[in-house]
PDB file of N, CA and C in Angstrom:
ATOM      1  N   MET A   1     -40.317-113.588  61.271  1.00  0.00           N
ATOM      2  CA  MET A   1     -39.572-113.179  59.979  1.00  0.00           C
ATOM      3  C   MET A   1     -38.373-112.477  60.049  1.00  0.00           C
ATOM      4  N   VAL A   2     -38.712-111.132  60.739  1.00  0.00           N
ATOM      5  CA  VAL A   2     -37.648-110.056  60.862  1.00  0.00           C
ATOM      6  C   VAL A   2     -36.865-110.471  61.788  1.00  0.00           C
ATOM      7  N   ARG A   3     -37.301-111.373  62.798  1.00  0.00           N
ATOM      8  CA  ARG A   3     -36.117-111.548  63.839  1.00  0.00           C
ATOM      9  C   ARG A   3     -35.101-112.641  63.148  1.00  0.00           C
ATOM     10  N   ASN A   4     -35.468-113.666  62.277  1.00  0.00           N
ATOM     11  CA  ASN A   4     -34.522-114.439  61.667  1.00  0.00           C
ATOM     12  C   ASN A   4     -33.464-113.682  60.759  1.00  0.00           C
ATOM     13  N   ALA A   5     -34.076-112.656  59.863  1.00  0.00           N
ATOM     14  CA  ALA A   5     -33.222-111.608  59.162  1.00  0.00           C
ATOM     15  C   ALA A   5     -32.144-111.069  59.970  1.00  0.00           C
ATOM     16  N   SER A   6     -32.591-110.514  61.468  1.00  0.00           N
ATOM     17  CA  SER A   6     -31.705-109.965  62.146  1.00  0.00           C
ATOM     18  C   SER A   6     -30.487-110.851  62.477  1.00  0.00           C
ATOM     19  N   ILE A   7     -30.887-112.445  63.135  1.00  0.00           N
ATOM     20  CA  ILE A   7     -29.839-113.370  63.263  1.00  0.00           C
ATOM     21  C   ILE A   7     -28.931-113.564  61.847  1.00  0.00           C
ATOM     22  N   THR A   8     -29.566-113.317  60.838  1.00  0.00           N
ATOM     23  CA  THR A   8     -28.673-113.843  59.555  1.00  0.00           C
ATOM     24  C   THR A   8     -27.660-112.888  59.355  1.00  0.00           C
ATOM     25  N   VAL A   9     -27.968-111.443  59.597  1.00  0.00           N
ATOM     26  CA  VAL A   9     -27.097-110.435  59.642  1.00  0.00           C
ATOM     27  C   VAL A   9     -26.025-110.479  60.363  1.00  0.00           C
ATOM     28  N   LEU A  10     -26.127-110.851  61.823  1.00  0.00           N
ATOM     29  CA  LEU A  10     -25.130-110.957  62.612  1.00  0.00           C
ATOM     30  C   LEU A  10     -24.501-112.118  62.247  1.00  0.00           C
ATOM     31  N   VAL A  11     -24.744-113.313  61.823  1.00  0.00           N
ATOM     32  CA  VAL A  11     -24.021-114.217  61.330  1.00  0.00           C
ATOM     33  C   VAL A  11     -23.037-113.751  60.265  1.00  0.00           C
ATOM     34  N   LEU A  12     -23.322-113.186  59.375  1.00  0.00           N
ATOM     35  CA  LEU A  12     -22.755-112.821  58.204  1.00  0.00           C
ATOM     36  C   LEU A  12     -21.731-111.785  58.495  1.00  0.00           C
ATOM     37  N   VAL A  13     -22.033-110.774  59.606  1.00  0.00           N
ATOM     38  CA  VAL A  13     -21.052-109.836  60.124  1.00  0.00           C
ATOM     39  C   VAL A  13     -19.817-110.596  60.573  1.00  0.00           C
ATOM     40  N   SER A  14     -20.344-111.351  61.515  1.00  0.00           N
ATOM     41  CA  SER A  14     -19.438-112.203  62.431  1.00  0.00           C
ATOM     42  C   SER A  14     -18.425-113.014  61.191  1.00  0.00           C
ATOM     43  N   SER A  15     -19.003-113.713  60.621  1.00  0.00           N
ATOM     44  CA  SER A  15     -18.259-114.534  59.608  1.00  0.00           C
ATOM     45  C   SER A  15     -17.493-113.854  58.733  1.00  0.00           C
ATOM     46  N   ALA A  16     -17.505-112.518  58.408  1.00  0.00           N
ATOM     47  CA  ALA A  16     -16.687-111.744  57.418  1.00  0.00           C
ATOM     48  C   ALA A  16     -15.470-111.497  57.911  1.00  0.00           C
ATOM     49  N   GLY A  17     -15.053-112.021  58.882  1.00  0.00           N
ATOM     50  CA  GLY A  17     -13.711-111.584  59.550  1.00  0.00           C
ATOM     51  C   GLY A  17     -13.532-110.326  60.432  1.00  0.00           C
ATOM     52  N   VAL A  18     -14.612-109.864  60.717  1.00  0.00           N
ATOM     53  CA  VAL A  18     -14.619-108.506  61.347  1.00  0.00           C
ATOM     54  C   VAL A  18     -14.259-108.647  62.907  1.00  0.00           C
ATOM     55  N   ALA A  19     -13.293-108.156  63.017  1.00  0.00           N
ATOM     56  CA  ALA A  19     -12.672-108.272  64.601  1.00  0.00           C
ATOM     57  C   ALA A  19     -13.222-107.479  65.606  1.00  0.00           C
ATOM     58  N   LEU A  20     -13.668-108.204  66.682  1.00  0.00           N
ATOM     59  CA  LEU A  20     -14.288-107.567  67.936  1.00  0.00           C
ATOM     60  C   LEU A  20     -13.745-106.675  68.350  1.00  0.00           C
ATOM     61  N   ALA A  21     -13.950-105.606  68.956  1.00  0.00           N
ATOM     62  CA  ALA A  21     -13.167-104.407  69.738  1.00  0.00           C
ATOM     63  C   ALA A  21     -13.055-104.921  71.236  1.00  0.00           C
ATOM     64  N   ASP A  22     -11.860-104.817  71.919  1.00  0.00           N
ATOM     65  CA  ASP A  22     -11.759-104.924  73.104  1.00  0.00           C
ATOM     66  C   ASP A  22     -10.944-103.404  73.611  1.00  0.00           C
ATOM     67  N   PRO A  23     -11.971-102.210  73.910  1.00  0.00           N
ATOM     68  CA  PRO A  23     -11.454-101.319  74.442  1.00  0.00           C
ATOM     69  C   PRO A  23     -10.569-101.260  75.497  1.00  0.00           C
ATOM     70  N   ALA A  24     -10.419-101.930  76.380  1.00  0.00           N
ATOM     71  CA  ALA A  24      -9.289-102.282  77.457  1.00  0.00           C
ATOM     72  C   ALA A  24      -8.331-102.506  76.838  1.00  0.00           C
ATOM     73  N   ALA A  25      -8.071-103.437  76.108  1.00  0.00           N
ATOM     74  CA  ALA A  25      -6.631-103.688  75.357  1.00  0.00           C
ATOM     75  C   ALA A  25      -6.235-102.701  74.510  1.00  0.00           C
ATOM     76  N   GLY A  26      -7.333-102.043  73.662  1.00  0.00           N
ATOM     77  CA  GLY A  26      -6.710-100.667  72.990  1.00  0.00           C
ATOM     78  C   GLY A  26      -6.336 -99.713  73.804  1.00  0.00           C
ATOM     79  N   LYS A  27      -6.744 -99.347  74.857  1.00  0.00           N
ATOM     80  CA  LYS A  27      -6.312 -98.343  75.915  1.00  0.00           C
ATOM     81  C   LYS A  27      -4.673 -98.609  76.160  1.00  0.00           C
ATOM     82  N   ASP A  28      -4.624 -99.975  76.649  1.00  0.00           N
ATOM     83  CA  ASP A  28      -3.015-100.477  76.836  1.00  0.00           C
ATOM     84  C   ASP A  28      -2.018-100.251  75.523  1.00  0.00           C
ATOM     85  N   MET A  29      -2.854-100.383  74.469  1.00  0.00           N
ATOM     86  CA  MET A  29      -1.966-100.135  72.990  1.00  0.00           C
ATOM     87  C   MET A  29      -1.642 -98.624  73.224  1.00  0.00           C
ATOM     88  N   ALA A  30      -2.792 -97.809  73.230  1.00  0.00           N
ATOM     89  CA  ALA A  30      -2.516 -96.721  73.021  1.00  0.00           C
ATOM     90  C   ALA A  30      -1.609 -95.860  74.116  1.00  0.00           C
ATOM     91  N   ARG A  31      -1.504 -96.546  75.207  1.00  0.00           N
ATOM     92  CA  ARG A  31      -0.483 -95.823  76.121  1.00  0.00           C
ATOM     93  C   ARG A  31       1.102 -96.336  75.473  1.00  0.00           C
ATOM     94  N   GLN A  32       1.211 -97.299  74.550  1.00  0.00           N
ATOM     95  CA  GLN A  32       2.400 -97.766  74.116  1.00  0.00           C
ATOM     96  C   GLN A  32       2.611 -96.975  72.901  1.00  0.00           C
ATOM     97  N   LYS A  33       1.670 -96.788  71.942  1.00  0.00           N
ATOM     98  CA  LYS A  33       1.999 -96.404  70.596  1.00  0.00           C
ATOM     99  C   LYS A  33       1.319 -95.018  70.130  1.00  0.00           C
ATOM    100  N   CYS A  34       0.188 -94.532  71.067  1.00  0.00           N
ATOM    101  CA  CYS A  34      -0.670 -93.489  70.527  1.00  0.00           C
ATOM    102  C   CYS A  34      -0.678 -92.265  71.208  1.00  0.00           C
ATOM    103  N   GLN A  35      -0.144 -92.271  72.807  1.00  0.00           N
ATOM    104  CA  GLN A  35      -0.396 -91.279  73.497  1.00  0.00           C
ATOM    105  C   GLN A  35       0.640 -89.987  73.346  1.00  0.00           C
ATOM    106  N   ASN A  36       1.732 -90.354  73.173  1.00  0.00           N
ATOM    107  CA  ASN A  36       2.672 -89.108  72.599  1.00  0.00           C
ATOM    108  C   ASN A  36       2.143 -87.888  71.541  1.00  0.00           C
ATOM    109  N   CYS A  37       1.512 -88.316  70.808  1.00  0.00           N
ATOM    110  CA  CYS A  37       0.602 -87.433  69.657  1.00  0.00           C
ATOM    111  C   CYS A  37      -0.516 -87.485  69.834  1.00  0.00           C
ATOM    112  N   HIS A  38      -1.260 -88.403  70.365  1.00  0.00           N
ATOM    113  CA  HIS A  38      -3.030 -88.128  70.453  1.00  0.00           C
ATOM    114  C   HIS A  38      -3.626 -88.180  71.680  1.00  0.00           C
ATOM    115  N   GLY A  39      -2.647 -88.620  72.579  1.00  0.00           N
ATOM    116  CA  GLY A  39      -2.778 -88.424  74.009  1.00  0.00           C
ATOM    117  C   GLY A  39      -3.966 -89.888  74.340  1.00  0.00           C
ATOM    118  N   ILE A  40      -3.721 -90.156  75.618  1.00  0.00           N
ATOM    119  CA  ILE A  40      -4.432 -91.554  75.888  1.00  0.00           C
ATOM    120  C   ILE A  40      -6.112 -91.334  76.186  1.00  0.00           C
ATOM    121  N   ASP A  41      -6.281 -89.795  76.063  1.00  0.00           N
ATOM    122  CA  ASP A  41      -7.516 -89.349  76.111  1.00  0.00           C
ATOM    123  C   ASP A  41      -8.315 -89.212  74.916  1.00  0.00           C
ATOM    124  N   GLY A  42      -7.304 -89.160  73.902  1.00  0.00           N
ATOM    125  CA  GLY A  42      -7.772 -88.928  72.525  1.00  0.00           C
ATOM    126  C   GLY A  42      -7.711 -87.416  71.964  1.00  0.00           C
ATOM    127  N   ILE A  43      -7.015 -86.716  72.714  1.00  0.00           N
ATOM    128  CA  ILE A  43      -6.914 -85.240  72.555  1.00  0.00           C
ATOM    129  C   ILE A  43      -5.434 -85.141  72.261  1.00  0.00           C
ATOM    130  N   ALA A  44      -5.261 -84.564  71.078  1.00  0.00           N
ATOM    131  CA  ALA A  44      -4.143 -84.595  70.585  1.00  0.00           C
ATOM    132  C   ALA A  44      -2.960 -83.842  71.336  1.00  0.00           C
ATOM    133  N   LYS A  45      -1.864 -84.039  71.419  1.00  0.00           N
ATOM    134  CA  LYS A  45      -0.853 -83.437  72.059  1.00  0.00           C
ATOM    135  C   LYS A  45       0.076 -82.547  71.551  1.00  0.00           C
ATOM    136  N   ILE A  46       0.302 -82.747  70.040  1.00  0.00           N
ATOM    137  CA  ILE A  46       1.042 -82.280  69.023  1.00  0.00           C
ATOM    138  C   ILE A  46      -0.003 -81.305  67.847  1.00  0.00           C
ATOM    139  N   SER A  47       0.396 -80.316  67.307  1.00  0.00           N
ATOM    140  CA  SER A  47      -0.460 -79.800  66.536  1.00  0.00           C
ATOM    141  C   SER A  47      -0.573 -80.379  65.148  1.00  0.00           C
ATOM    142  N   ILE A  48       0.203 -81.447  64.597  1.00  0.00           N
ATOM    143  CA  ILE A  48       0.006 -82.118  63.473  1.00  0.00           C
ATOM    144  C   ILE A  48      -0.769 -83.240  63.393  1.00  0.00           C
ATOM    145  N   ALA A  49      -1.307 -83.810  64.759  1.00  0.00           N
ATOM    146  CA  ALA A  49      -2.106 -84.835  65.103  1.00  0.00           C
ATOM    147  C   ALA A  49      -3.554 -84.586  65.385  1.00  0.00           C
ATOM    148  N   PRO A  50      -4.059 -85.371  64.711  1.00  0.00           N
ATOM    149  CA  PRO A  50      -5.770 -85.298  64.892  1.00  0.00           C
ATOM    150  C   PRO A  50      -6.225 -85.624  66.058  1.00  0.00           C
ATOM    151  N   HIS A  51      -7.419 -84.895  66.887  1.00  0.00           N
ATOM    152  CA  HIS A  51      -8.058 -85.563  68.024  1.00  0.00           C
ATOM    153  C   HIS A  51      -8.658 -86.981  67.439  1.00  0.00           C
ATOM    154  N   LEU A  52      -8.792 -87.846  68.558  1.00  0.00           N
ATOM    155  CA  LEU A  52      -9.339 -89.185  68.168  1.00  0.00           C
ATOM    156  C   LEU A  52     -10.531 -89.464  69.066  1.00  0.00           C
ATOM    157  N   ALA A  53     -10.428 -88.832  70.141  1.00  0.00           N
ATOM    158  CA  ALA A  53     -11.785 -89.066  71.266  1.00  0.00           C
ATOM    159  C   ALA A  53     -12.956 -88.863  70.296  1.00  0.00           C
ATOM    160  N   GLY A  54     -13.905 -89.850  70.596  1.00  0.00           N
ATOM    161  CA  GLY A  54     -15.252 -89.851  70.413  1.00  0.00           C
ATOM    162  C   GLY A  54     -15.240 -89.846  68.761  1.00  0.00           C
ATOM    163  N   GLU A  55     -14.130 -90.359  67.890  1.00  0.00           N
ATOM    164  CA  GLU A  55     -14.379 -90.381  66.462  1.00  0.00           C
ATOM    165  C   GLU A  55     -14.998 -91.836  66.143  1.00  0.00           C
ATOM    166  N   ASN A  56     -15.586 -92.044  65.154  1.00  0.00           N
ATOM    167  CA  ASN A  56     -16.366 -93.110  64.636  1.00  0.00           C
ATOM    168  C   ASN A  56     -15.250 -94.290  64.502  1.00  0.00           C
ATOM    169  N   ARG A  57     -15.708 -95.536  65.114  1.00  0.00           N
ATOM    170  CA  ARG A  57     -14.905 -96.558  64.998  1.00  0.00           C
ATOM    171  C   ARG A  57     -14.502 -97.185  63.529  1.00  0.00           C
ATOM    172  N   VAL A  58     -15.383 -97.301  62.703  1.00  0.00           N
ATOM    173  CA  VAL A  58     -15.458 -97.556  61.323  1.00  0.00           C
ATOM    174  C   VAL A  58     -14.128 -96.657  60.661  1.00  0.00           C
ATOM    175  N   TYR A  59     -14.323 -95.399  60.878  1.00  0.00           N
ATOM    176  CA  TYR A  59     -13.895 -94.475  60.312  1.00  0.00           C
ATOM    177  C   TYR A  59     -12.035 -94.503  60.992  1.00  0.00           C
ATOM    178  N   LEU A  60     -11.947 -94.754  62.245  1.00  0.00           N
ATOM    179  CA  LEU A  60     -10.376 -95.196  62.660  1.00  0.00           C
ATOM    180  C   LEU A  60     -10.020 -96.330  62.207  1.00  0.00           C
ATOM    181  N   GLU A  61     -10.720 -97.361  61.996  1.00  0.00           N
ATOM    182  CA  GLU A  61     -10.324 -98.555  61.440  1.00  0.00           C
ATOM    183  C   GLU A  61      -9.725 -98.575  59.947  1.00  0.00           C
ATOM    184  N   ASN A  62     -10.429 -97.910  59.274  1.00  0.00           N
ATOM    185  CA  ASN A  62     -10.330 -97.579  57.786  1.00  0.00           C
ATOM    186  C   ASN A  62      -8.974 -96.617  57.499  1.00  0.00           C
ATOM    187  N   GLN A  63      -8.923 -95.746  58.366  1.00  0.00           N
ATOM    188  CA  GLN A  63      -7.625 -94.997  58.328  1.00  0.00           C
ATOM    189  C   GLN A  63      -6.214 -95.755  58.732  1.00  0.00           C
ATOM    190  N   LEU A  64      -6.485 -96.680  60.138  1.00  0.00           N
ATOM    191  CA  LEU A  64      -5.233 -97.303  60.448  1.00  0.00           C
ATOM    192  C   LEU A  64      -5.061 -98.380  59.095  1.00  0.00           C
ATOM    193  N   LYS A  65      -5.806 -98.887  58.538  1.00  0.00           N
ATOM    194  CA  LYS A  65      -5.790-100.125  57.554  1.00  0.00           C
ATOM    195  C   LYS A  65      -5.048 -99.430  56.436  1.00  0.00           C
ATOM    196  N   ALA A  66      -5.450 -98.048  56.016  1.00  0.00           N
ATOM    197  CA  ALA A  66      -5.020 -97.699  55.043  1.00  0.00           C
ATOM    198  C   ALA A  66      -3.532 -97.081  55.127  1.00  0.00           C
ATOM    199  N   PHE A  67      -3.253 -96.680  56.275  1.00  0.00           N
ATOM    200  CA  PHE A  67      -1.628 -96.360  56.740  1.00  0.00           C
ATOM    201  C   PHE A  67      -0.986 -97.840  56.723  1.00  0.00           C
ATOM    202  N   ARG A  68      -1.608 -98.845  57.214  1.00  0.00           N
ATOM    203  CA  ARG A  68      -1.004-100.295  57.187  1.00  0.00           C
ATOM    204  C   ARG A  68      -0.438-100.400  55.862  1.00  0.00           C
ATOM    205  N   SER A  69      -1.254-100.274  54.994  1.00  0.00           N
ATOM    206  CA  SER A  69      -1.117-100.962  53.790  1.00  0.00           C
ATOM    207  C   SER A  69      -0.411 -99.943  52.652  1.00  0.00           C
ATOM    208  N   GLY A  70      -0.132 -98.963  53.202  1.00  0.00           N
ATOM    209  CA  GLY A  70       0.526 -97.938  52.214  1.00  0.00           C
ATOM    210  C   GLY A  70      -0.656 -97.033  51.476  1.00  0.00           C
ATOM    211  N   LYS A  71      -1.780 -97.324  51.280  1.00  0.00           N
ATOM    212  CA  LYS A  71      -2.768 -96.650  50.587  1.00  0.00           C
ATOM    213  C   LYS A  71      -2.695 -95.299  50.985  1.00  0.00           C
ATOM    214  N   ARG A  72      -2.496 -95.076  52.115  1.00  0.00           N
ATOM    215  CA  ARG A  72      -2.536 -93.581  52.775  1.00  0.00           C
ATOM    216  C   ARG A  72      -1.141 -93.588  53.542  1.00  0.00           C
ATOM    217  N   VAL A  73      -0.439 -92.438  53.226  1.00  0.00           N
ATOM    218  CA  VAL A  73       0.957 -92.201  53.731  1.00  0.00           C
ATOM    219  C   VAL A  73       1.225 -91.198  54.668  1.00  0.00           C
ATOM    220  N   ASN A  74       1.875 -91.463  55.761  1.00  0.00           N
ATOM    221  CA  ASN A  74       2.163 -90.304  56.818  1.00  0.00           C
ATOM    222  C   ASN A  74       3.613 -90.924  57.351  1.00  0.00           C
ATOM    223  N   GLU A  75       4.559 -89.664  57.401  1.00  0.00           N
ATOM    224  CA  GLU A  75       5.554 -90.313  58.146  1.00  0.00           C
ATOM    225  C   GLU A  75       5.798 -91.044  59.316  1.00  0.00           C
ATOM    226  N   MET A  76       4.941 -90.801  60.291  1.00  0.00           N
ATOM    227  CA  MET A  76       4.804 -91.252  61.399  1.00  0.00           C
ATOM    228  C   MET A  76       3.933 -92.478  61.413  1.00  0.00           C
ATOM    229  N   MET A  77       2.571 -92.215  61.116  1.00  0.00           N
ATOM    230  CA  MET A  77       1.608 -93.217  60.910  1.00  0.00           C
ATOM    231  C   MET A  77       1.948 -94.713  60.073  1.00  0.00           C
ATOM    232  N   SER A  78       2.694 -94.244  59.189  1.00  0.00           N
ATOM    233  CA  SER A  78       3.006 -95.394  58.555  1.00  0.00           C
ATOM    234  C   SER A  78       4.132 -96.260  59.134  1.00  0.00           C
ATOM    235  N   ILE A  79       4.721 -95.767  59.920  1.00  0.00           N
ATOM    236  CA  ILE A  79       5.766 -96.669  60.714  1.00  0.00           C
ATOM    237  C   ILE A  79       4.757 -97.318  62.145  1.00  0.00           C
ATOM    238  N   VAL A  80       3.757 -96.314  62.604  1.00  0.00           N
ATOM    239  CA  VAL A  80       3.285 -96.948  63.809  1.00  0.00           C
ATOM    240  C   VAL A  80       2.240 -98.191  63.272  1.00  0.00           C
ATOM    241  N   ALA A  81       1.632 -97.816  62.093  1.00  0.00           N
ATOM    242  CA  ALA A  81       0.467 -98.917  61.963  1.00  0.00           C
ATOM    243  C   ALA A  81       1.013-100.261  61.222  1.00  0.00           C
ATOM    244  N   LYS A  82       2.262-100.075  60.510  1.00  0.00           N
ATOM    245  CA  LYS A  82       2.890-101.320  59.608  1.00  0.00           C
ATOM    246  C   LYS A  82       2.435-102.573  60.345  1.00  0.00           C
ATOM    247  N   ASP A  83       2.780-102.645  61.709  1.00  0.00           N
ATOM    248  CA  ASP A  83       2.812-103.943  62.336  1.00  0.00           C
ATOM    249  C   ASP A  83       1.486-104.245  62.995  1.00  0.00           C
ATOM    250  N   LEU A  84       0.422-103.460  62.842  1.00  0.00           N
ATOM    251  CA  LEU A  84      -0.555-103.348  63.813  1.00  0.00           C
ATOM    252  C   LEU A  84      -1.465-104.798  62.982  1.00  0.00           C
ATOM    253  N   SER A  85      -2.151-105.702  63.931  1.00  0.00           N
ATOM    254  CA  SER A  85      -2.919-106.474  63.366  1.00  0.00           C
ATOM    255  C   SER A  85      -4.677-106.105  63.306  1.00  0.00           C
ATOM    256  N   ASP A  86      -5.363-106.990  62.505  1.00  0.00           N
ATOM    257  CA  ASP A  86      -6.752-106.550  62.367  1.00  0.00           C
ATOM    258  C   ASP A  86      -7.199-106.338  63.857  1.00  0.00           C
ATOM    259  N   GLU A  87      -6.706-107.179  64.660  1.00  0.00           N
ATOM    260  CA  GLU A  87      -7.182-107.316  66.385  1.00  0.00           C
ATOM    261  C   GLU A  87      -6.532-105.850  66.848  1.00  0.00           C
ATOM    262  N   ASN A  88      -5.428-105.411  66.709  1.00  0.00           N
ATOM    263  CA  ASN A  88      -4.855-104.228  67.449  1.00  0.00           C
ATOM    264  C   ASN A  88      -5.705-103.195  66.760  1.00  0.00           C
ATOM    265  N   ILE A  89      -5.937-102.974  65.319  1.00  0.00           N
ATOM    266  CA  ILE A  89      -6.622-101.976  64.980  1.00  0.00           C
ATOM    267  C   ILE A  89      -8.158-101.953  65.417  1.00  0.00           C
ATOM    268  N   ALA A  90      -8.778-102.880  65.539  1.00  0.00           N
ATOM    269  CA  ALA A  90     -10.338-102.952  66.199  1.00  0.00           C
ATOM    270  C   ALA A  90     -10.189-102.640  67.715  1.00  0.00           C
ATOM    271  N   ASP A  91      -9.287-102.912  68.327  1.00  0.00           N
ATOM    272  CA  ASP A  91      -9.037-102.529  69.959  1.00  0.00           C
ATOM    273  C   ASP A  91      -8.595-100.992  70.062  1.00  0.00           C
ATOM    274  N   LEU A  92      -7.609-100.538  69.380  1.00  0.00           N
ATOM    275  CA  LEU A  92      -7.529 -98.995  69.261  1.00  0.00           C
ATOM    276  C   LEU A  92      -8.773 -98.290  68.836  1.00  0.00           C
ATOM    277  N   SER A  93      -9.282 -98.707  67.830  1.00  0.00           N
ATOM    278  CA  SER A  93     -10.626 -97.942  67.309  1.00  0.00           C
ATOM    279  C   SER A  93     -11.533 -98.149  68.617  1.00  0.00           C
ATOM    280  N   GLY A  94     -11.835 -99.030  68.885  1.00  0.00           N
ATOM    281  CA  GLY A  94     -12.706 -99.303  69.935  1.00  0.00           C
ATOM    282  C   GLY A  94     -12.605 -98.302  71.199  1.00  0.00           C
ATOM    283  N   TRP A  95     -11.016 -98.495  71.566  1.00  0.00           N
ATOM    284  CA  TRP A  95     -10.974 -97.281  72.581  1.00  0.00           C
ATOM    285  C   TRP A  95     -10.941 -96.058  72.419  1.00  0.00           C
ATOM    286  N   TYR A  96     -10.912 -95.428  71.511  1.00  0.00           N
ATOM    287  CA  TYR A  96     -10.763 -94.001  71.213  1.00  0.00           C
ATOM    288  C   TYR A  96     -11.998 -93.635  70.721  1.00  0.00           C
ATOM    289  N   SER A  97     -13.187 -94.412  70.033  1.00  0.00           N
ATOM    290  CA  SER A  97     -14.381 -94.087  69.882  1.00  0.00           C
ATOM    291  C   SER A  97     -15.358 -94.561  70.966  1.00  0.00           C
ATOM    292  N   SER A  98     -14.814 -94.974  72.096  1.00  0.00           N
ATOM    293  CA  SER A  98     -15.724 -95.160  73.178  1.00  0.00           C
ATOM    294  C   SER A  98     -15.336 -94.014  74.084  1.00  0.00           C
ATOM    295  N   ILE A  99     -14.469 -93.245  74.101  1.00  0.00           N
ATOM    296  CA  ILE A  99     -14.555 -91.793  74.864  1.00  0.00           C
ATOM    297  C   ILE A  99     -15.378 -90.987  74.444  1.00  0.00           C
ATOM    298  N   THR A 100     -16.366 -90.389  75.507  1.00  0.00           N
ATOM    299  CA  THR A 100     -17.182 -89.437  75.560  1.00  0.00           C
ATOM    300  C   THR A 100     -16.563 -88.013  75.419  1.00  0.00           C
ATOM    301  N   ILE A 101     -17.186 -87.252  74.523  1.00  0.00           N
ATOM    302  CA  ILE A 101     -16.429 -85.876  74.514  1.00  0.00           C
ATOM    303  C   ILE A 101     -17.642 -84.960  74.851  1.00  0.00           C
ATOM    304  N   THR A 102     -17.681 -83.699  75.162  1.00  0.00           N
ATOM    305  CA  THR A 102     -18.634 -82.692  75.358  1.00  0.00           C
ATOM    306  C   THR A 102     -18.154 -81.324  74.758  1.00  0.00           C
ATOM    307  N   ALA A 103     -19.182 -80.574  74.272  1.00  0.00           N
ATOM    308  CA  ALA A 103     -18.593 -79.289  73.622  1.00  0.00           C
ATOM    309  C   ALA A 103     -19.260 -78.100  74.433  1.00  0.00           C
ATOM    310  N   THR A 104     -18.592 -77.265  74.757  1.00  0.00           N
ATOM    311  CA  THR A 104     -19.238 -75.886  75.120  1.00  0.00           C
ATOM    312  C   THR A 104     -19.007 -74.836  74.257  1.00  0.00           C
ATOM    313  N   MET A 105     -20.457 -74.137  73.721  1.00  0.00           N
ATOM    314  CA  MET A 105     -20.540 -73.243  72.956  1.00  0.00           C
ATOM    315  C   MET A 105     -20.174 -72.042  73.715  1.00  0.00           C
ATOM    316  N   PRO A 106     -19.175 -71.027  73.034  1.00  0.00           N
ATOM    317  CA  PRO A 106     -19.006 -69.541  73.561  1.00  0.00           C
ATOM    318  C   PRO A 106     -20.501 -68.971  73.940  1.00  0.00           C
ATOM    319  N   ASP A 107     -20.403 -68.120  74.624  1.00  0.00           N
ATOM    320  CA  ASP A 107     -21.285 -67.044  74.998  1.00  0.00           C
ATOM    321  C   ASP A 107     -21.584 -66.135  73.787  1.00  0.00           C
ATOM    322  N   GLU A 108     -22.643 -65.912  73.118  1.00  0.00           N
ATOM    323  CA  GLU A 108     -22.409 -64.775  71.906  1.00  0.00           C
ATOM    324  C   GLU A 108     -22.321 -63.492  72.524  1.00  0.00           C
TER     325      GLU A 108
END
C-alpha cells in the first residue's frame, strides 16, 4: 500500500508542471547571466548580492519567480529574471543548490 502511495505522489508532482532541473544547463546559464554578481561558484562577487551556493532549490526558484512576476522588485534582478522560463529557473536553481559548501569555525 505504501508503495502505491509513493507512486501516486510522484505522478502528482510530475503532472503539476514542476520543471525538472538540469544543473549543467543551469551552470551554462549562470555563466551568461549570474556570474558577474553571484559568481559561477555561487559566492557573491559584489557586496549587495547574496551568496547562492548550496541554497535550497525551492527557495531559489520561488525568489526568481517572484522577481520575474514583479512580486519582488530589485533594480538588477527584475531585469535579469523577466525573460527566464520555468525551465531556466529550475536549471539555475538546480545548479546553485547543487554546489557543496563547507564552513570552518574560528578557533576560540
